[in-house]
Amino acid sequence: MTSTLTRAGARTATPHRRTKSVRWRGSLIAWLFLAPALVLFLYFKFIPMGLGLWKSFHEVHYISDTWVGADNYKTILTDDAFGAAIWHSIVLALGTTVGSIVLGLGFALLIEGPARYLWFVRTAAFLPVVTTMAAVAEVWRIMFHPADSGMLNTIIGWVGVDPQPWLASENSSLWSIMLMSIWRGTPYDMMIFLAGLVGVDRTLYEAAAVDGASTWHRLRHITLPALRPVFWILFTLAAIRGLRVFVEVYVLTNGGPNGSSEVLMTLIYKLGFQSNELGVASAGGIVLFLATLALTVVVQLLRRRQAA
């Protein structure tokens, strides 16, 4: 009797052990495939992040570093140039986020549908996203030429608007960069909205049409509530993209004229690689990272609260 129970227990335990062994081997194989990418991330991202945090508390010299504590962060919080750069980054992030989301939703509603020719329109509209940012910024820099013969000035001249200085003026340089950023971010948001519109229940539109609801009411009470998760995702991505803007500002104005379009990323670059103030530049990078992290956490908390 005892031997019979022992054999039965062995038979039931063996499949369980085999299952655990298969799972362990599968996890090991997965981590082995991920290992090269993880090593690259460790070497090129996480280790530099740790060094940046360490240097943010030092005055960096060519031979050795001097511990200064939180002095670099005090410089960031009290320096007028940093304050202006942070303000420009916030304005640019807000303007780009709102503009790209509103236009992206509008274009998604216009070209949403099963028509065959729409694939070409969507592909053409998405081209700015996959084009190199430096090339896009250089083209827009030419378009922003402030003379009467400039491309944008010629276009607005057709409707009787006087030529604008665009990037050459302290009052319009930041808004000009925002215009280009909205143009480039709108197609990305449009494609995300199109993916979200696929999941909207079509029977709700049919029921609303039978009840006599107008297009605006269907948009307000059916489409927008269904796209609420998409709005949260796009707001987070667009805001982070706006806070970390660098290439377009560097190519278009390099922070000028007179610092009117200086953002935090370009100021960090200048301090670190032109003025050799690597400690202050590292502290600025940490501040930007914390701002991005805080923005992400706040958005996620608001999303979960609204969902609850």
C-alpha atoms as a PDB file:
ATOM      1  CA  MET A   1       0.000   0.000   0.000  1.00  0.00           C
ATOM      2  CA  THR A   2       2.822   2.398   0.908  1.00  0.00           C
ATOM      3  CA  SER A   3       4.747   1.710  -2.292  1.00  0.00           C
ATOM      4  CA  THR A   4       1.613   2.336  -4.353  1.00  0.00           C
ATOM      5  CA  LEU A   5       1.126   5.780  -2.759  1.00  0.00           C
ATOM      6  CA  THR A   6       4.811   6.589  -3.261  1.00  0.00           C
ATOM      7  CA  ARG A   7       4.661   5.786  -6.978  1.00  0.00           C
ATOM      8  CA  ALA A   8       1.467   7.839  -7.359  1.00  0.00           C
ATOM      9  CA  GLY A   9       3.089  10.815  -5.617  1.00  0.00           C
ATOM     10  CA  ALA A  10       6.156  10.536  -7.836  1.00  0.00           C
ATOM     11  CA  ARG A  11       3.996  10.500 -10.953  1.00  0.00           C
ATOM     12  CA  THR A  12       2.123  13.660  -9.841  1.00  0.00           C
ATOM     13  CA  ALA A  13       5.287  15.477  -8.766  1.00  0.00           C
ATOM     14  CA  THR A  14       7.210  14.791 -11.966  1.00  0.00           C
ATOM     15  CA  PRO A  15       4.973  16.897 -14.311  1.00  0.00           C
ATOM     16  CA  HIS A  16       5.108  19.775 -11.827  1.00  0.00           C
ATOM     17  CA  ARG A  17       8.901  19.668 -11.770  1.00  0.00           C
ATOM     18  CA  ARG A  18       8.998  19.483 -15.547  1.00  0.00           C
ATOM     19  CA  THR A  19       6.731  22.541 -15.815  1.00  0.00           C
ATOM     20  CA  LYS A  20       8.964  24.539 -13.466  1.00  0.00           C
ATOM     21  CA  SER A  21      12.037  23.432 -15.423  1.00  0.00           C
ATOM     22  CA  VAL A  22      10.498  24.498 -18.735  1.00  0.00           C
ATOM     23  CA  ARG A  23       9.528  27.880 -17.286  1.00  0.00           C
ATOM     24  CA  TRP A  24      13.020  28.371 -15.862  1.00  0.00           C
ATOM     25  CA  ARG A  25      14.641  27.509 -19.182  1.00  0.00           C
ATOM     26  CA  GLY A  26      12.258  29.821 -21.054  1.00  0.00           C
ATOM     27  CA  SER A  27      13.073  32.707 -18.724  1.00  0.00           C
ATOM     28  CA  LEU A  28      16.798  32.024 -19.046  1.00  0.00           C
ATOM     29  CA  ILE A  29      16.622  31.993 -22.849  1.00  0.00           C
ATOM     30  CA  ALA A  30      14.624  35.241 -22.854  1.00  0.00           C
ATOM     31  CA  TRP A  31      17.164  36.976 -20.608  1.00  0.00           C
ATOM     32  CA  LEU A  32      20.021  35.706 -22.777  1.00  0.00           C
ATOM     33  CA  PHE A  33      18.405  37.305 -25.833  1.00  0.00           C
ATOM     34  CA  LEU A  34      17.886  40.542 -23.889  1.00  0.00           C
ATOM     35  CA  ALA A  35      21.414  40.554 -22.450  1.00  0.00           C
ATOM     36  CA  PRO A  36      23.161  42.405 -25.357  1.00  0.00           C
ATOM     37  CA  ALA A  37      20.597  45.209 -25.320  1.00  0.00           C
ATOM     38  CA  LEU A  38      20.689  45.409 -21.514  1.00  0.00           C
ATOM     39  CA  VAL A  39      24.481  45.672 -21.565  1.00  0.00           C
ATOM     40  CA  LEU A  40      24.285  48.512 -24.082  1.00  0.00           C
ATOM     41  CA  PHE A  41      21.630  50.269 -22.001  1.00  0.00           C
ATOM     42  CA  LEU A  42      23.786  49.849 -18.890  1.00  0.00           C
ATOM     43  CA  TYR A  43      26.926  51.204 -20.551  1.00  0.00           C
ATOM     44  CA  PHE A  44      25.448  54.031 -22.594  1.00  0.00           C
ATOM     45  CA  LYS A  45      22.490  55.101 -20.426  1.00  0.00           C
ATOM     46  CA  PHE A  46      22.428  54.000 -16.803  1.00  0.00           C
ATOM     47  CA  ILE A  47      26.126  54.402 -16.029  1.00  0.00           C
ATOM     48  CA  PRO A  48      26.200  57.930 -17.601  1.00  0.00           C
ATOM     49  CA  MET A  49      23.082  58.776 -15.597  1.00  0.00           C
ATOM     50  CA  GLY A  50      24.830  57.732 -12.406  1.00  0.00           C
ATOM     51  CA  LEU A  51      27.931  59.723 -13.333  1.00  0.00           C
ATOM     52  CA  GLY A  52      25.766  62.735 -14.152  1.00  0.00           C
ATOM     53  CA  LEU A  53      24.143  62.543 -10.728  1.00  0.00           C
ATOM     54  CA  TRP A  54      27.570  62.286  -9.096  1.00  0.00           C
ATOM     55  CA  LYS A  55      29.015  65.225 -11.037  1.00  0.00           C
ATOM     56  CA  SER A  56      25.973  67.393 -10.290  1.00  0.00           C
ATOM     57  CA  PHE A  57      27.328  67.676  -6.727  1.00  0.00           C
ATOM     58  CA  HIS A  58      30.844  68.579  -7.887  1.00  0.00           C
ATOM     59  CA  GLU A  59      32.735  71.353  -9.581  1.00  0.00           C
ATOM     60  CA  VAL A  60      34.240  69.434 -12.458  1.00  0.00           C
ATOM     61  CA  HIS A  61      37.866  70.060 -13.439  1.00  0.00           C
ATOM     62  CA  TYR A  62      40.099  68.409 -15.999  1.00  0.00           C
ATOM     63  CA  ILE A  63      42.177  66.607 -13.363  1.00  0.00           C
ATOM     64  CA  SER A  64      39.898  66.207 -10.352  1.00  0.00           C
ATOM     65  CA  ASP A  65      36.436  67.123  -9.100  1.00  0.00           C
ATOM     66  CA  THR A  66      35.676  69.303  -6.088  1.00  0.00           C
ATOM     67  CA  TRP A  67      32.668  68.546  -3.899  1.00  0.00           C
ATOM     68  CA  VAL A  68      30.307  71.530  -3.759  1.00  0.00           C
ATOM     69  CA  GLY A  69      27.157  69.857  -2.465  1.00  0.00           C
ATOM     70  CA  ALA A  70      23.930  71.471  -3.643  1.00  0.00           C
ATOM     71  CA  ASP A  71      25.595  74.653  -4.950  1.00  0.00           C
ATOM     72  CA  ASN A  72      25.025  73.650  -8.564  1.00  0.00           C
ATOM     73  CA  TYR A  73      21.307  73.198  -7.891  1.00  0.00           C
ATOM     74  CA  LYS A  74      21.197  76.569  -6.102  1.00  0.00           C
ATOM     75  CA  THR A  75      22.738  78.112  -9.210  1.00  0.00           C
ATOM     76  CA  ILE A  76      19.996  76.614 -11.359  1.00  0.00           C
ATOM     77  CA  LEU A  77      17.213  77.823  -9.078  1.00  0.00           C
ATOM     78  CA  THR A  78      18.586  81.355  -8.683  1.00  0.00           C
ATOM     79  CA  ASP A  79      20.165  82.095 -12.066  1.00  0.00           C
ATOM     80  CA  ASP A  80      18.021  84.237 -14.379  1.00  0.00           C
ATOM     81  CA  ALA A  81      19.215  82.406 -17.490  1.00  0.00           C
ATOM     82  CA  PHE A  82      18.049  79.074 -16.078  1.00  0.00           C
ATOM     83  CA  GLY A  83      14.744  80.575 -15.001  1.00  0.00           C
ATOM     84  CA  ALA A  84      14.116  81.956 -18.483  1.00  0.00           C
ATOM     85  CA  ALA A  85      15.131  78.645 -20.101  1.00  0.00           C
ATOM     86  CA  ILE A  86      12.798  76.674 -17.834  1.00  0.00           C
ATOM     87  CA  TRP A  87       9.938  79.069 -18.610  1.00  0.00           C
ATOM     88  CA  HIS A  88      10.584  78.809 -22.360  1.00  0.00           C
ATOM     89  CA  SER A  89      10.626  75.006 -22.085  1.00  0.00           C
ATOM     90  CA  ILE A  90       7.283  74.988 -20.258  1.00  0.00           C
ATOM     91  CA  VAL A  91       5.659  77.374 -22.758  1.00  0.00           C
ATOM     92  CA  LEU A  92       6.990  75.382 -25.698  1.00  0.00           C
ATOM     93  CA  ALA A  93       5.856  72.080 -24.154  1.00  0.00           C
ATOM     94  CA  LEU A  94       2.340  73.354 -23.424  1.00  0.00           C
ATOM     95  CA  GLY A  95       1.888  74.981 -26.824  1.00  0.00           C
ATOM     96  CA  THR A  96       3.228  71.990 -28.720  1.00  0.00           C
ATOM     97  CA  THR A  97       1.146  69.537 -26.675  1.00  0.00           C
ATOM     98  CA  VAL A  98      -2.143  71.385 -27.071  1.00  0.00           C
ATOM     99  CA  GLY A  99      -1.598  72.238 -30.734  1.00  0.00           C
ATOM    100  CA  SER A 100      -0.523  68.772 -31.841  1.00  0.00           C
ATOM    101  CA  ILE A 101      -3.306  67.016 -29.907  1.00  0.00           C
ATOM    102  CA  VAL A 102      -6.068  69.309 -31.219  1.00  0.00           C
ATOM    103  CA  LEU A 103      -4.878  69.163 -34.825  1.00  0.00           C
ATOM    104  CA  GLY A 104      -4.122  65.452 -34.578  1.00  0.00           C
ATOM    105  CA  LEU A 105      -7.673  64.746 -33.426  1.00  0.00           C
ATOM    106  CA  GLY A 106      -9.120  66.938 -36.163  1.00  0.00           C
ATOM    107  CA  PHE A 107      -7.147  65.242 -38.926  1.00  0.00           C
ATOM    108  CA  ALA A 108      -7.886  61.786 -37.487  1.00  0.00           C
ATOM    109  CA  LEU A 109     -11.618  62.497 -37.635  1.00  0.00           C
ATOM    110  CA  LEU A 110     -11.284  63.744 -41.216  1.00  0.00           C
ATOM    111  CA  ILE A 111      -9.389  60.782 -42.642  1.00  0.00           C
ATOM    112  CA  GLU A 112     -10.857  58.038 -40.433  1.00  0.00           C
ATOM    113  CA  GLY A 113     -12.687  55.451 -42.500  1.00  0.00           C
ATOM    114  CA  PRO A 114     -12.317  52.349 -44.714  1.00  0.00           C
ATOM    115  CA  ALA A 115     -11.862  54.161 -48.048  1.00  0.00           C
ATOM    116  CA  ARG A 116      -9.024  52.724 -50.156  1.00  0.00           C
ATOM    117  CA  TYR A 117      -7.342  56.031 -51.000  1.00  0.00           C
ATOM    118  CA  LEU A 118      -6.961  56.988 -47.320  1.00  0.00           C
ATOM    119  CA  TRP A 119      -3.873  54.795 -46.909  1.00  0.00           C
ATOM    120  CA  PHE A 120      -1.970  57.173 -49.195  1.00  0.00           C
ATOM    121  CA  VAL A 121      -3.162  60.230 -47.260  1.00  0.00           C
ATOM    122  CA  ARG A 122      -2.155  58.670 -43.947  1.00  0.00           C
ATOM    123  CA  THR A 123       1.261  57.679 -45.263  1.00  0.00           C
ATOM    124  CA  ALA A 124       1.928  61.133 -46.700  1.00  0.00           C
ATOM    125  CA  ALA A 125       0.764  62.822 -43.502  1.00  0.00           C
ATOM    126  CA  PHE A 126       3.047  60.626 -41.377  1.00  0.00           C
ATOM    127  CA  LEU A 127       6.226  61.468 -43.318  1.00  0.00           C
ATOM    128  CA  PRO A 128       7.265  64.407 -41.064  1.00  0.00           C
ATOM    129  CA  VAL A 129       7.508  62.032 -38.112  1.00  0.00           C
ATOM    130  CA  VAL A 130       9.976  59.655 -39.756  1.00  0.00           C
ATOM    131  CA  THR A 131      12.080  62.420 -41.301  1.00  0.00           C
ATOM    132  CA  THR A 132      15.292  63.354 -39.494  1.00  0.00           C
ATOM    133  CA  MET A 133      14.705  66.257 -37.137  1.00  0.00           C
ATOM    134  CA  ALA A 134      17.841  68.092 -38.231  1.00  0.00           C
ATOM    135  CA  ALA A 135      16.743  67.985 -41.883  1.00  0.00           C
ATOM    136  CA  VAL A 136      13.231  69.154 -40.987  1.00  0.00           C
ATOM    137  CA  ALA A 137      14.562  72.028 -38.893  1.00  0.00           C
ATOM    138  CA  GLU A 138      16.928  73.121 -41.667  1.00  0.00           C
ATOM    139  CA  VAL A 139      14.081  73.200 -44.205  1.00  0.00           C
ATOM    140  CA  TRP A 140      11.945  75.241 -41.828  1.00  0.00           C
ATOM    141  CA  ARG A 141      14.847  77.598 -41.165  1.00  0.00           C
ATOM    142  CA  ILE A 142      14.895  78.376 -44.878  1.00  0.00           C
ATOM    143  CA  MET A 143      11.111  78.771 -44.916  1.00  0.00           C
ATOM    144  CA  PHE A 144      11.336  81.196 -41.982  1.00  0.00           C
ATOM    145  CA  HIS A 145      13.574  83.581 -43.952  1.00  0.00           C
ATOM    146  CA  PRO A 146      12.466  87.031 -42.720  1.00  0.00           C
ATOM    147  CA  ALA A 147      12.793  88.838 -46.055  1.00  0.00           C
ATOM    148  CA  ASP A 148       9.834  89.503 -48.334  1.00  0.00           C
ATOM    149  CA  SER A 149      11.003  86.681 -50.581  1.00  0.00           C
ATOM    150  CA  GLY A 150      10.862  84.131 -47.768  1.00  0.00           C
ATOM    151  CA  MET A 151       8.507  81.222 -48.411  1.00  0.00           C
ATOM    152  CA  LEU A 152       6.198  81.765 -45.436  1.00  0.00           C
ATOM    153  CA  ASN A 153       6.188  85.544 -45.911  1.00  0.00           C
ATOM    154  CA  THR A 154       5.258  85.027 -49.558  1.00  0.00           C
ATOM    155  CA  ILE A 155       2.372  82.734 -48.565  1.00  0.00           C
ATOM    156  CA  ILE A 156       0.946  85.077 -45.918  1.00  0.00           C
ATOM    157  CA  GLY A 157       1.426  87.959 -48.362  1.00  0.00           C
ATOM    158  CA  TRP A 158      -1.199  86.367 -50.609  1.00  0.00           C
ATOM    159  CA  VAL A 159      -3.826  87.133 -47.954  1.00  0.00           C
ATOM    160  CA  GLY A 160      -2.551  90.645 -47.252  1.00  0.00           C
ATOM    161  CA  VAL A 161      -0.455  89.957 -44.132  1.00  0.00           C
ATOM    162  CA  ASP A 162       2.771  91.926 -43.757  1.00  0.00           C
ATOM    163  CA  PRO A 163       6.100  90.036 -43.747  1.00  0.00           C
ATOM    164  CA  GLN A 164       7.046  88.676 -40.338  1.00  0.00           C
ATOM    165  CA  PRO A 165      10.537  88.432 -38.797  1.00  0.00           C
ATOM    166  CA  TRP A 166       9.873  84.891 -37.528  1.00  0.00           C
ATOM    167  CA  LEU A 167      13.145  83.612 -36.024  1.00  0.00           C
ATOM    168  CA  ALA A 168      14.876  86.991 -36.226  1.00  0.00           C
ATOM    169  CA  SER A 169      12.682  88.631 -33.572  1.00  0.00           C
ATOM    170  CA  GLU A 170      12.728  88.137 -29.812  1.00  0.00           C
ATOM    171  CA  ASN A 171       8.925  88.303 -29.769  1.00  0.00           C
ATOM    172  CA  SER A 172       8.291  85.604 -32.371  1.00  0.00           C
ATOM    173  CA  SER A 173      11.262  83.220 -32.295  1.00  0.00           C
ATOM    174  CA  LEU A 174       9.795  80.872 -29.665  1.00  0.00           C
ATOM    175  CA  TRP A 175       6.364  80.871 -31.338  1.00  0.00           C
ATOM    176  CA  SER A 176       7.975  80.054 -34.677  1.00  0.00           C
ATOM    177  CA  ILE A 177       9.707  77.027 -33.157  1.00  0.00           C
ATOM    178  CA  MET A 178       6.383  76.019 -31.620  1.00  0.00           C
ATOM    179  CA  LEU A 179       4.741  76.213 -35.047  1.00  0.00           C
ATOM    180  CA  MET A 180       7.280  73.820 -36.524  1.00  0.00           C
ATOM    181  CA  SER A 181       7.023  71.457 -33.516  1.00  0.00           C
ATOM    182  CA  ILE A 182       3.230  71.318 -33.850  1.00  0.00           C
ATOM    183  CA  TRP A 183       3.568  70.581 -37.566  1.00  0.00           C
ATOM    184  CA  ARG A 184       5.886  67.662 -36.812  1.00  0.00           C
ATOM    185  CA  GLY A 185       3.996  66.291 -33.804  1.00  0.00           C
ATOM    186  CA  THR A 186       0.505  66.417 -35.319  1.00  0.00           C
ATOM    187  CA  PRO A 187       0.884  63.354 -37.622  1.00  0.00           C
ATOM    188  CA  TYR A 188       2.091  61.186 -34.733  1.00  0.00           C
ATOM    189  CA  ASP A 189      -0.883  62.161 -32.576  1.00  0.00           C
ATOM    190  CA  MET A 190      -3.164  61.664 -35.582  1.00  0.00           C
ATOM    191  CA  MET A 191      -2.063  58.047 -36.008  1.00  0.00           C
ATOM    192  CA  ILE A 192      -2.585  57.317 -32.308  1.00  0.00           C
ATOM    193  CA  PHE A 193      -6.067  58.827 -32.506  1.00  0.00           C
ATOM    194  CA  LEU A 194      -6.824  56.723 -35.581  1.00  0.00           C
ATOM    195  CA  ALA A 195      -5.874  53.598 -33.642  1.00  0.00           C
ATOM    196  CA  GLY A 196      -8.145  54.705 -30.812  1.00  0.00           C
ATOM    197  CA  LEU A 197     -11.064  55.409 -33.134  1.00  0.00           C
ATOM    198  CA  VAL A 198     -10.978  51.825 -34.364  1.00  0.00           C
ATOM    199  CA  GLY A 199     -12.051  50.677 -30.905  1.00  0.00           C
ATOM    200  CA  VAL A 200     -15.128  52.915 -30.708  1.00  0.00           C
ATOM    201  CA  ASP A 201     -18.358  50.893 -30.881  1.00  0.00           C
ATOM    202  CA  ARG A 202     -20.108  51.809 -34.144  1.00  0.00           C
ATOM    203  CA  THR A 203     -23.508  50.767 -32.840  1.00  0.00           C
ATOM    204  CA  LEU A 204     -23.394  53.746 -30.496  1.00  0.00           C
ATOM    205  CA  TYR A 205     -23.192  56.097 -33.491  1.00  0.00           C
ATOM    206  CA  GLU A 206     -26.114  54.333 -35.149  1.00  0.00           C
ATOM    207  CA  ALA A 207     -28.236  54.519 -31.998  1.00  0.00           C
ATOM    208  CA  ALA A 208     -27.378  58.203 -31.538  1.00  0.00           C
ATOM    209  CA  ALA A 209     -28.271  58.956 -35.158  1.00  0.00           C
ATOM    210  CA  VAL A 210     -31.629  57.228 -34.721  1.00  0.00           C
ATOM    211  CA  ASP A 211     -32.285  59.369 -31.637  1.00  0.00           C
ATOM    212  CA  GLY A 212     -31.564  62.479 -33.702  1.00  0.00           C
ATOM    213  CA  ALA A 213     -28.187  63.404 -32.178  1.00  0.00           C
ATOM    214  CA  SER A 214     -26.161  65.878 -34.202  1.00  0.00           C
ATOM    215  CA  THR A 215     -22.542  65.334 -35.265  1.00  0.00           C
ATOM    216  CA  TRP A 216     -21.294  67.549 -32.449  1.00  0.00           C
ATOM    217  CA  HIS A 217     -23.281  65.641 -29.820  1.00  0.00           C
ATOM    218  CA  ARG A 218     -21.986  62.313 -31.130  1.00  0.00           C
ATOM    219  CA  LEU A 219     -18.443  63.654 -30.988  1.00  0.00           C
ATOM    220  CA  ARG A 220     -18.894  65.046 -27.495  1.00  0.00           C
ATOM    221  CA  HIS A 221     -20.761  62.180 -25.847  1.00  0.00           C
ATOM    222  CA  ILE A 222     -19.404  59.134 -27.703  1.00  0.00           C
ATOM    223  CA  THR A 223     -16.074  59.794 -29.443  1.00  0.00           C
ATOM    224  CA  LEU A 224     -14.296  61.948 -26.874  1.00  0.00           C
ATOM    225  CA  PRO A 225     -15.174  59.765 -23.843  1.00  0.00           C
ATOM    226  CA  ALA A 226     -14.047  56.668 -25.744  1.00  0.00           C
ATOM    227  CA  LEU A 227     -10.729  58.362 -26.576  1.00  0.00           C
ATOM    228  CA  ARG A 228     -10.009  59.409 -22.994  1.00  0.00           C
ATOM    229  CA  PRO A 229      -7.193  56.829 -22.476  1.00  0.00           C
ATOM    230  CA  VAL A 230      -5.617  57.979 -25.746  1.00  0.00           C
ATOM    231  CA  PHE A 231      -5.671  61.582 -24.538  1.00  0.00           C
ATOM    232  CA  TRP A 232      -3.778  60.650 -21.385  1.00  0.00           C
ATOM    233  CA  ILE A 233      -1.109  58.767 -23.342  1.00  0.00           C
ATOM    234  CA  LEU A 234      -0.656  61.518 -25.910  1.00  0.00           C
ATOM    235  CA  PHE A 235      -0.570  64.253 -23.293  1.00  0.00           C
ATOM    236  CA  THR A 236       2.237  62.469 -21.448  1.00  0.00           C
ATOM    237  CA  LEU A 237       4.280  61.757 -24.583  1.00  0.00           C
ATOM    238  CA  ALA A 238       3.775  65.214 -26.098  1.00  0.00           C
ATOM    239  CA  ALA A 239       4.616  67.001 -22.847  1.00  0.00           C
ATOM    240  CA  ILE A 240       7.820  65.006 -22.401  1.00  0.00           C
ATOM    241  CA  ARG A 241       8.695  65.627 -26.043  1.00  0.00           C
ATOM    242  CA  GLY A 242       8.168  69.354 -25.530  1.00  0.00           C
ATOM    243  CA  LEU A 243      10.254  69.518 -22.355  1.00  0.00           C
ATOM    244  CA  ARG A 244      13.169  67.689 -23.966  1.00  0.00           C
ATOM    245  CA  VAL A 245      13.232  69.687 -27.184  1.00  0.00           C
ATOM    246  CA  PHE A 246      16.761  70.351 -28.413  1.00  0.00           C
ATOM    247  CA  VAL A 247      17.533  69.737 -32.090  1.00  0.00           C
ATOM    248  CA  GLU A 248      14.919  72.108 -33.511  1.00  0.00           C
ATOM    249  CA  VAL A 249      15.948  74.954 -31.206  1.00  0.00           C
ATOM    250  CA  TYR A 250      19.644  74.318 -31.799  1.00  0.00           C
ATOM    251  CA  VAL A 251      19.289  74.294 -35.579  1.00  0.00           C
ATOM    252  CA  LEU A 252      16.761  77.114 -35.919  1.00  0.00           C
ATOM    253  CA  THR A 253      17.987  79.713 -33.418  1.00  0.00           C
ATOM    254  CA  ASN A 254      20.572  78.171 -31.076  1.00  0.00           C
ATOM    255  CA  GLY A 255      18.656  79.912 -28.301  1.00  0.00           C
ATOM    256  CA  GLY A 256      18.667  83.374 -29.892  1.00  0.00           C
ATOM    257  CA  PRO A 257      18.084  86.108 -30.508  1.00  0.00           C
ATOM    258  CA  ASN A 258      19.307  87.330 -27.104  1.00  0.00           C
ATOM    259  CA  GLY A 259      18.177  84.135 -25.384  1.00  0.00           C
ATOM    260  CA  SER A 260      14.520  84.613 -26.345  1.00  0.00           C
ATOM    261  CA  SER A 261      14.209  80.960 -27.439  1.00  0.00           C
ATOM    262  CA  GLU A 262      16.725  79.389 -25.066  1.00  0.00           C
ATOM    263  CA  VAL A 263      15.373  76.173 -23.562  1.00  0.00           C
ATOM    264  CA  LEU A 264      16.767  74.001 -20.823  1.00  0.00           C
ATOM    265  CA  MET A 265      18.338  71.444 -23.156  1.00  0.00           C
ATOM    266  CA  THR A 266      20.251  74.000 -25.231  1.00  0.00           C
ATOM    267  CA  LEU A 267      21.427  75.807 -22.095  1.00  0.00           C
ATOM    268  CA  ILE A 268      22.669  72.532 -20.606  1.00  0.00           C
ATOM    269  CA  TYR A 269      24.509  71.778 -23.848  1.00  0.00           C
ATOM    270  CA  LYS A 270      26.194  75.184 -23.886  1.00  0.00           C
ATOM    271  CA  LEU A 271      27.227  74.982 -20.249  1.00  0.00           C
ATOM    272  CA  GLY A 272      28.601  71.484 -20.577  1.00  0.00           C
ATOM    273  CA  PHE A 273      30.355  71.562 -23.959  1.00  0.00           C
ATOM    274  CA  GLN A 274      31.090  75.249 -24.567  1.00  0.00           C
ATOM    275  CA  SER A 275      31.639  76.745 -21.112  1.00  0.00           C
ATOM    276  CA  ASN A 276      33.031  73.535 -19.533  1.00  0.00           C
ATOM    277  CA  GLU A 277      30.723  73.898 -16.519  1.00  0.00           C
ATOM    278  CA  LEU A 278      29.916  70.211 -16.424  1.00  0.00           C
ATOM    279  CA  GLY A 279      28.770  70.263 -12.811  1.00  0.00           C
ATOM    280  CA  VAL A 280      26.065  72.853 -13.383  1.00  0.00           C
ATOM    281  CA  ALA A 281      25.115  71.195 -16.672  1.00  0.00           C
ATOM    282  CA  SER A 282      24.771  67.825 -14.913  1.00  0.00           C
ATOM    283  CA  ALA A 283      22.555  69.409 -12.269  1.00  0.00           C
ATOM    284  CA  GLY A 284      20.400  70.874 -15.046  1.00  0.00           C
ATOM    285  CA  GLY A 285      20.076  67.424 -16.596  1.00  0.00           C
ATOM    286  CA  ILE A 286      18.982  65.955 -13.263  1.00  0.00           C
ATOM    287  CA  VAL A 287      16.393  68.723 -12.843  1.00  0.00           C
ATOM    288  CA  LEU A 288      15.039  67.981 -16.311  1.00  0.00           C
ATOM    289  CA  PHE A 289      14.866  64.269 -15.503  1.00  0.00           C
ATOM    290  CA  LEU A 290      13.009  64.940 -12.245  1.00  0.00           C
ATOM    291  CA  ALA A 291      10.570  67.255 -14.040  1.00  0.00           C
ATOM    292  CA  THR A 292       9.869  64.574 -16.645  1.00  0.00           C
ATOM    293  CA  LEU A 293       9.434  61.924 -13.949  1.00  0.00           C
ATOM    294  CA  ALA A 294       7.117  64.158 -11.925  1.00  0.00           C
ATOM    295  CA  LEU A 295       5.029  64.934 -14.994  1.00  0.00           C
ATOM    296  CA  THR A 296       4.639  61.247 -15.803  1.00  0.00           C
ATOM    297  CA  VAL A 297       3.683  60.327 -12.235  1.00  0.00           C
ATOM    298  CA  VAL A 298       1.162  63.160 -11.938  1.00  0.00           C
ATOM    299  CA  VAL A 299      -0.509  62.260 -15.226  1.00  0.00           C
ATOM    300  CA  GLN A 300      -0.748  58.595 -14.254  1.00  0.00           C
ATOM    301  CA  LEU A 301      -2.245  59.468 -10.854  1.00  0.00           C
ATOM    302  CA  LEU A 302      -4.815  61.740 -12.463  1.00  0.00           C
ATOM    303  CA  ARG A 303      -5.675  59.049 -15.000  1.00  0.00           C
ATOM    304  CA  ARG A 304      -6.159  56.411 -12.307  1.00  0.00           C
ATOM    305  CA  ARG A 305      -8.241  58.772 -10.171  1.00  0.00           C
ATOM    306  CA  GLN A 306     -10.496  59.565 -13.103  1.00  0.00           C
ATOM    307  CA  ALA A 307     -10.810  55.888 -13.994  1.00  0.00           C
ATOM    308  CA  ALA A 308     -11.734  55.054 -10.401  1.00  0.00           C
END
